[in-house]
Amino acid sequence: MSINIHSVQTIRNKNISTEITVQWLVV
């Protein structure tokens, strides 16, 4: 369970980073 939760958090963090990068590219 803990590993799965950690994995989900990591994926979310990567998604957030990707969104931030996309915003910078758009700007």
C-alpha atoms as a PDB file:
ATOM      1  CA  MET A   1       0.000   0.000   0.000  1.00  0.00           C
ATOM      2  CA  SER A   2       2.688   2.481   1.015  1.00  0.00           C
ATOM      3  CA  ILE A   3       4.685   1.777  -2.144  1.00  0.00           C
ATOM      4  CA  ASN A   4       1.576   2.222  -4.295  1.00  0.00           C
ATOM      5  CA  ILE A   5       0.705   5.506  -2.585  1.00  0.00           C
ATOM      6  CA  HIS A   6       4.278   6.736  -3.033  1.00  0.00           C
ATOM      7  CA  SER A   7       4.159   5.788  -6.706  1.00  0.00           C
ATOM      8  CA  VAL A   8       0.929   7.713  -7.178  1.00  0.00           C
ATOM      9  CA  GLN A   9       2.441  10.768  -5.491  1.00  0.00           C
ATOM     10  CA  THR A  10       5.483  10.551  -7.737  1.00  0.00           C
ATOM     11  CA  ILE A  11       3.301  10.309 -10.843  1.00  0.00           C
ATOM     12  CA  ARG A  12       1.291  13.324  -9.699  1.00  0.00           C
ATOM     13  CA  ASN A  13       4.476  15.278  -9.079  1.00  0.00           C
ATOM     14  CA  LYS A  14       5.703  14.435 -12.573  1.00  0.00           C
ATOM     15  CA  ASN A  15       2.366  15.521 -14.017  1.00  0.00           C
ATOM     16  CA  ILE A  16       2.566  18.819 -12.131  1.00  0.00           C
ATOM     17  CA  SER A  17       6.104  19.390 -13.417  1.00  0.00           C
ATOM     18  CA  THR A  18       4.954  18.639 -16.950  1.00  0.00           C
ATOM     19  CA  GLU A  19       2.053  21.074 -16.615  1.00  0.00           C
ATOM     20  CA  ILE A  20       4.406  23.784 -15.347  1.00  0.00           C
ATOM     21  CA  THR A  21       6.771  23.154 -18.272  1.00  0.00           C
ATOM     22  CA  VAL A  22       3.886  23.334 -20.737  1.00  0.00           C
ATOM     23  CA  GLN A  23       2.750  26.638 -19.210  1.00  0.00           C
ATOM     24  CA  TRP A  24       6.257  28.058 -19.626  1.00  0.00           C
ATOM     25  CA  LEU A  25       6.347  26.891 -23.245  1.00  0.00           C
ATOM     26  CA  VAL A  26       2.950  28.455 -23.908  1.00  0.00           C
ATOM     27  CA  VAL A  27       4.052  31.736 -22.361  1.00  0.00           C
END
